[in-house]
Amino acid sequence: SVLAAAATAVLIYLCGAALCGEGAGILAALIFAFTPGLLVLHGIRSATLDALEILLVTSAIVCLEIWRRRRRPWALTCLVICAAANAWVKSPFSLVVLMAYLLATELPARRAGVGTPRFGATVALVAGAWIGAYLLWLGTLSAASSPRAVIRQLLLGQYGRRR
């Protein structure tokens, strides 16, 4: 959790410095790092998946902005990978946050001349990758926790060692 939080602070600094100058990047990273709710509620020091989810959502947003501003294909690939990885980390909340950010910032970005290239395809790729990864996670979880798998594991654990 601490490493994910530190990586998020560095990512926020780099993005802020690239977009608004080094002072803004430092300020944004410090605000992130010293937000009391982040330290207490989201488990930066409690070894939960919240810090990793925050890192992946932040990474996806940074990749989206690089895709918008620089039109680099690797940024779209990274955006899709971060969105899909979030499906394995936590909950559907990450997709809601990412889609809300994408939709809320698209019109101002278009007015500024940096709208998302292939907007519909980008939304479909991000949502599709997330949904696909989430369904794969659910399938893996249900296979590992099926009654047959649980009984087999319990029986092997209980009686397999007695031979």
C-alpha atoms as a PDB file:
ATOM      1  CA  SER A   1       0.000   0.000   0.000  1.00  0.00           C
ATOM      2  CA  VAL A   2       2.805   2.408   0.840  1.00  0.00           C
ATOM      3  CA  LEU A   3       4.569   1.715  -2.464  1.00  0.00           C
ATOM      4  CA  ALA A   4       1.344   2.202  -4.423  1.00  0.00           C
ATOM      5  CA  ALA A   5       0.709   5.489  -2.623  1.00  0.00           C
ATOM      6  CA  ALA A   6       4.260   6.670  -3.290  1.00  0.00           C
ATOM      7  CA  ALA A   7       3.945   5.719  -6.957  1.00  0.00           C
ATOM      8  CA  THR A   8       0.650   7.617  -7.145  1.00  0.00           C
ATOM      9  CA  ALA A   9       2.255  10.724  -5.621  1.00  0.00           C
ATOM     10  CA  VAL A  10       5.103  10.534  -8.162  1.00  0.00           C
ATOM     11  CA  LEU A  11       2.623  10.072 -11.008  1.00  0.00           C
ATOM     12  CA  ILE A  12       0.567  13.053  -9.814  1.00  0.00           C
ATOM     13  CA  TYR A  13       3.740  15.148  -9.591  1.00  0.00           C
ATOM     14  CA  LEU A  14       4.848  14.188 -13.119  1.00  0.00           C
ATOM     15  CA  CYS A  15       1.430  14.832 -14.624  1.00  0.00           C
ATOM     16  CA  GLY A  16       0.963  18.123 -12.764  1.00  0.00           C
ATOM     17  CA  ALA A  17       4.461  19.286 -13.689  1.00  0.00           C
ATOM     18  CA  ALA A  18       3.933  18.413 -17.344  1.00  0.00           C
ATOM     19  CA  LEU A  19       0.561  20.170 -17.573  1.00  0.00           C
ATOM     20  CA  CYS A  20       0.888  23.140 -15.217  1.00  0.00           C
ATOM     21  CA  GLY A  21       4.538  23.507 -14.193  1.00  0.00           C
ATOM     22  CA  GLU A  22       6.767  22.025 -11.546  1.00  0.00           C
ATOM     23  CA  GLY A  23       5.313  24.040  -8.665  1.00  0.00           C
ATOM     24  CA  ALA A  24       1.807  22.774  -9.420  1.00  0.00           C
ATOM     25  CA  GLY A  25       3.110  19.209  -9.657  1.00  0.00           C
ATOM     26  CA  ILE A  26       4.807  19.430  -6.270  1.00  0.00           C
ATOM     27  CA  LEU A  27       1.743  21.001  -4.667  1.00  0.00           C
ATOM     28  CA  ALA A  28      -0.599  18.386  -6.133  1.00  0.00           C
ATOM     29  CA  ALA A  29       1.616  15.519  -4.966  1.00  0.00           C
ATOM     30  CA  LEU A  30       1.906  16.984  -1.467  1.00  0.00           C
ATOM     31  CA  ILE A  31      -1.842  17.507  -1.214  1.00  0.00           C
ATOM     32  CA  PHE A  32      -2.365  13.897  -2.254  1.00  0.00           C
ATOM     33  CA  ALA A  33       0.224  12.541   0.148  1.00  0.00           C
ATOM     34  CA  PHE A  34      -0.997  14.468   3.188  1.00  0.00           C
ATOM     35  CA  THR A  35      -4.756  14.206   2.751  1.00  0.00           C
ATOM     36  CA  PRO A  36      -6.002  12.845   6.109  1.00  0.00           C
ATOM     37  CA  GLY A  37      -8.841  10.819   4.586  1.00  0.00           C
ATOM     38  CA  LEU A  38      -6.428   9.107   2.241  1.00  0.00           C
ATOM     39  CA  LEU A  39      -4.106   8.143   5.057  1.00  0.00           C
ATOM     40  CA  VAL A  40      -6.839   6.919   7.387  1.00  0.00           C
ATOM     41  CA  LEU A  41      -9.752   5.688   5.269  1.00  0.00           C
ATOM     42  CA  HIS A  42      -8.061   4.278   2.205  1.00  0.00           C
ATOM     43  CA  GLY A  43      -5.453   2.237   3.948  1.00  0.00           C
ATOM     44  CA  ILE A  44      -2.240   3.703   2.652  1.00  0.00           C
ATOM     45  CA  ARG A  45      -0.590   2.049   5.636  1.00  0.00           C
ATOM     46  CA  SER A  46      -3.042  -0.768   6.289  1.00  0.00           C
ATOM     47  CA  ALA A  47      -2.212  -3.132   3.400  1.00  0.00           C
ATOM     48  CA  THR A  48      -5.584  -2.958   1.655  1.00  0.00           C
ATOM     49  CA  LEU A  49      -6.238  -2.772  -2.058  1.00  0.00           C
ATOM     50  CA  ASP A  50      -7.466   0.826  -1.892  1.00  0.00           C
ATOM     51  CA  ALA A  51      -4.030   2.306  -2.578  1.00  0.00           C
ATOM     52  CA  LEU A  52      -3.543   0.053  -5.602  1.00  0.00           C
ATOM     53  CA  GLU A  53      -6.977   0.998  -6.920  1.00  0.00           C
ATOM     54  CA  ILE A  54      -6.134   4.687  -6.538  1.00  0.00           C
ATOM     55  CA  LEU A  55      -2.831   4.136  -8.378  1.00  0.00           C
ATOM     56  CA  LEU A  56      -4.535   2.309 -11.255  1.00  0.00           C
ATOM     57  CA  VAL A  57      -7.304   4.900 -11.625  1.00  0.00           C
ATOM     58  CA  THR A  58      -4.737   7.720 -11.534  1.00  0.00           C
ATOM     59  CA  SER A  59      -2.602   5.888 -14.105  1.00  0.00           C
ATOM     60  CA  ALA A  60      -5.629   5.407 -16.357  1.00  0.00           C
ATOM     61  CA  ILE A  61      -6.485   9.115 -16.152  1.00  0.00           C
ATOM     62  CA  VAL A  62      -2.893  10.110 -16.960  1.00  0.00           C
ATOM     63  CA  CYS A  63      -2.881   7.704 -19.916  1.00  0.00           C
ATOM     64  CA  LEU A  64      -6.190   9.156 -21.102  1.00  0.00           C
ATOM     65  CA  GLU A  65      -4.752  12.664 -21.021  1.00  0.00           C
ATOM     66  CA  ILE A  66      -1.654  11.541 -22.948  1.00  0.00           C
ATOM     67  CA  TRP A  67      -3.947   9.833 -25.481  1.00  0.00           C
ATOM     68  CA  ARG A  68      -5.956  13.055 -25.785  1.00  0.00           C
ATOM     69  CA  ARG A  69      -3.068  15.497 -26.016  1.00  0.00           C
ATOM     70  CA  ARG A  70      -0.314  13.568 -27.773  1.00  0.00           C
ATOM     71  CA  ARG A  71      -2.268  10.879 -29.663  1.00  0.00           C
ATOM     72  CA  ARG A  72       0.192   8.124 -28.712  1.00  0.00           C
ATOM     73  CA  PRO A  73      -1.189   4.607 -29.375  1.00  0.00           C
ATOM     74  CA  TRP A  74       0.733   3.191 -26.396  1.00  0.00           C
ATOM     75  CA  ALA A  75      -1.237   5.551 -24.123  1.00  0.00           C
ATOM     76  CA  LEU A  76      -4.518   4.013 -25.288  1.00  0.00           C
ATOM     77  CA  THR A  77      -3.083   0.536 -24.689  1.00  0.00           C
ATOM     78  CA  CYS A  78      -1.939   1.565 -21.202  1.00  0.00           C
ATOM     79  CA  LEU A  79      -5.362   3.099 -20.497  1.00  0.00           C
ATOM     80  CA  VAL A  80      -7.116  -0.153 -21.433  1.00  0.00           C
ATOM     81  CA  ILE A  81      -4.657  -2.236 -19.377  1.00  0.00           C
ATOM     82  CA  CYS A  82      -5.092  -0.015 -16.301  1.00  0.00           C
ATOM     83  CA  ALA A  83      -8.879  -0.191 -16.631  1.00  0.00           C
ATOM     84  CA  ALA A  84      -8.789  -3.996 -16.964  1.00  0.00           C
ATOM     85  CA  ALA A  85      -6.365  -4.353 -14.049  1.00  0.00           C
ATOM     86  CA  ASN A  86      -8.756  -2.364 -11.890  1.00  0.00           C
ATOM     87  CA  ALA A  87     -11.424  -5.015 -12.449  1.00  0.00           C
ATOM     88  CA  TRP A  88      -9.215  -7.508 -10.601  1.00  0.00           C
ATOM     89  CA  VAL A  89      -8.308  -5.132  -7.799  1.00  0.00           C
ATOM     90  CA  LYS A  90     -11.470  -3.841  -6.271  1.00  0.00           C
ATOM     91  CA  SER A  91     -14.966  -3.096  -7.463  1.00  0.00           C
ATOM     92  CA  PRO A  92     -17.007  -1.552 -10.278  1.00  0.00           C
ATOM     93  CA  PHE A  93     -16.419   1.816  -8.620  1.00  0.00           C
ATOM     94  CA  SER A  94     -13.181   2.253 -10.566  1.00  0.00           C
ATOM     95  CA  LEU A  95     -14.983   1.976 -13.902  1.00  0.00           C
ATOM     96  CA  VAL A  96     -17.596   4.484 -12.728  1.00  0.00           C
ATOM     97  CA  VAL A  97     -14.865   6.953 -11.719  1.00  0.00           C
ATOM     98  CA  LEU A  98     -12.984   6.532 -14.988  1.00  0.00           C
ATOM     99  CA  MET A  99     -16.095   6.862 -17.153  1.00  0.00           C
ATOM    100  CA  ALA A 100     -17.323   9.869 -15.146  1.00  0.00           C
ATOM    101  CA  TYR A 101     -13.951  11.567 -15.646  1.00  0.00           C
ATOM    102  CA  LEU A 102     -13.899  10.739 -19.346  1.00  0.00           C
ATOM    103  CA  LEU A 103     -17.432  12.016 -19.957  1.00  0.00           C
ATOM    104  CA  ALA A 104     -17.136  15.099 -17.717  1.00  0.00           C
ATOM    105  CA  THR A 105     -13.912  16.301 -19.313  1.00  0.00           C
ATOM    106  CA  GLU A 106     -14.635  15.468 -22.949  1.00  0.00           C
ATOM    107  CA  LEU A 107     -16.585  18.612 -23.843  1.00  0.00           C
ATOM    108  CA  PRO A 108     -14.060  21.034 -22.281  1.00  0.00           C
ATOM    109  CA  ALA A 109     -11.242  19.053 -23.905  1.00  0.00           C
ATOM    110  CA  ARG A 110     -12.932  19.292 -27.314  1.00  0.00           C
ATOM    111  CA  ARG A 111     -13.387  23.049 -26.851  1.00  0.00           C
ATOM    112  CA  ALA A 112      -9.666  23.300 -26.085  1.00  0.00           C
ATOM    113  CA  GLY A 113      -8.844  21.302 -29.214  1.00  0.00           C
ATOM    114  CA  VAL A 114      -7.608  18.192 -27.419  1.00  0.00           C
ATOM    115  CA  GLY A 115     -10.666  15.952 -27.515  1.00  0.00           C
ATOM    116  CA  THR A 116     -10.337  12.216 -27.239  1.00  0.00           C
ATOM    117  CA  PRO A 117      -9.529  10.664 -30.613  1.00  0.00           C
ATOM    118  CA  ARG A 118     -12.131   8.100 -31.661  1.00  0.00           C
ATOM    119  CA  PHE A 119     -14.212   8.902 -28.583  1.00  0.00           C
ATOM    120  CA  GLY A 120     -16.774   6.113 -29.027  1.00  0.00           C
ATOM    121  CA  ALA A 121     -14.090   3.515 -29.700  1.00  0.00           C
ATOM    122  CA  THR A 122     -12.108   4.684 -26.671  1.00  0.00           C
ATOM    123  CA  VAL A 123     -15.148   4.401 -24.384  1.00  0.00           C
ATOM    124  CA  ALA A 124     -16.003   0.980 -25.841  1.00  0.00           C
ATOM    125  CA  LEU A 125     -12.424  -0.294 -25.436  1.00  0.00           C
ATOM    126  CA  VAL A 126     -12.095   0.881 -21.837  1.00  0.00           C
ATOM    127  CA  ALA A 127     -15.514  -0.374 -20.747  1.00  0.00           C
ATOM    128  CA  GLY A 128     -15.179  -3.593 -22.751  1.00  0.00           C
ATOM    129  CA  ALA A 129     -11.746  -4.400 -21.328  1.00  0.00           C
ATOM    130  CA  TRP A 130     -12.972  -3.710 -17.801  1.00  0.00           C
ATOM    131  CA  ILE A 131     -16.119  -5.811 -18.224  1.00  0.00           C
ATOM    132  CA  GLY A 132     -14.164  -8.656 -19.831  1.00  0.00           C
ATOM    133  CA  ALA A 133     -11.571  -8.690 -17.064  1.00  0.00           C
ATOM    134  CA  TYR A 134     -14.292  -8.495 -14.404  1.00  0.00           C
ATOM    135  CA  LEU A 135     -16.167 -11.446 -15.914  1.00  0.00           C
ATOM    136  CA  LEU A 136     -12.913 -13.406 -16.073  1.00  0.00           C
ATOM    137  CA  TRP A 137     -12.313 -12.576 -12.409  1.00  0.00           C
ATOM    138  CA  LEU A 138     -15.837 -13.708 -11.494  1.00  0.00           C
ATOM    139  CA  GLY A 139     -15.311 -16.946 -13.428  1.00  0.00           C
ATOM    140  CA  THR A 140     -12.019 -17.589 -11.677  1.00  0.00           C
ATOM    141  CA  LEU A 141     -13.553 -16.820  -8.315  1.00  0.00           C
ATOM    142  CA  SER A 142     -16.577 -19.057  -8.861  1.00  0.00           C
ATOM    143  CA  ALA A 143     -14.413 -21.940 -10.098  1.00  0.00           C
ATOM    144  CA  ALA A 144     -12.126 -21.671  -7.089  1.00  0.00           C
ATOM    145  CA  SER A 145     -15.004 -21.430  -4.631  1.00  0.00           C
ATOM    146  CA  SER A 146     -17.414 -23.941  -6.119  1.00  0.00           C
ATOM    147  CA  PRO A 147     -18.761 -26.502  -3.635  1.00  0.00           C
ATOM    148  CA  ARG A 148     -16.809 -29.272  -5.359  1.00  0.00           C
ATOM    149  CA  ALA A 149     -13.506 -27.343  -5.197  1.00  0.00           C
ATOM    150  CA  VAL A 150     -14.046 -26.378  -1.566  1.00  0.00           C
ATOM    151  CA  ILE A 151     -14.937 -29.929  -0.510  1.00  0.00           C
ATOM    152  CA  ARG A 152     -11.955 -31.354  -2.398  1.00  0.00           C
ATOM    153  CA  GLN A 153      -9.623 -28.824  -0.757  1.00  0.00           C
ATOM    154  CA  LEU A 154     -11.068 -29.510   2.686  1.00  0.00           C
ATOM    155  CA  LEU A 155     -10.845 -33.282   2.251  1.00  0.00           C
ATOM    156  CA  LEU A 156      -7.284 -33.118   0.951  1.00  0.00           C
ATOM    157  CA  GLY A 157      -6.302 -30.738   3.723  1.00  0.00           C
ATOM    158  CA  GLN A 158      -7.991 -32.835   6.382  1.00  0.00           C
ATOM    159  CA  TYR A 159      -7.204 -36.383   5.287  1.00  0.00           C
ATOM    160  CA  GLY A 160      -4.430 -36.096   2.705  1.00  0.00           C
ATOM    161  CA  ARG A 161      -1.750 -35.594   5.321  1.00  0.00           C
ATOM    162  CA  ARG A 162      -2.736 -38.638   7.381  1.00  0.00           C
ATOM    163  CA  ARG A 163      -1.410 -41.192   4.927  1.00  0.00           C
END
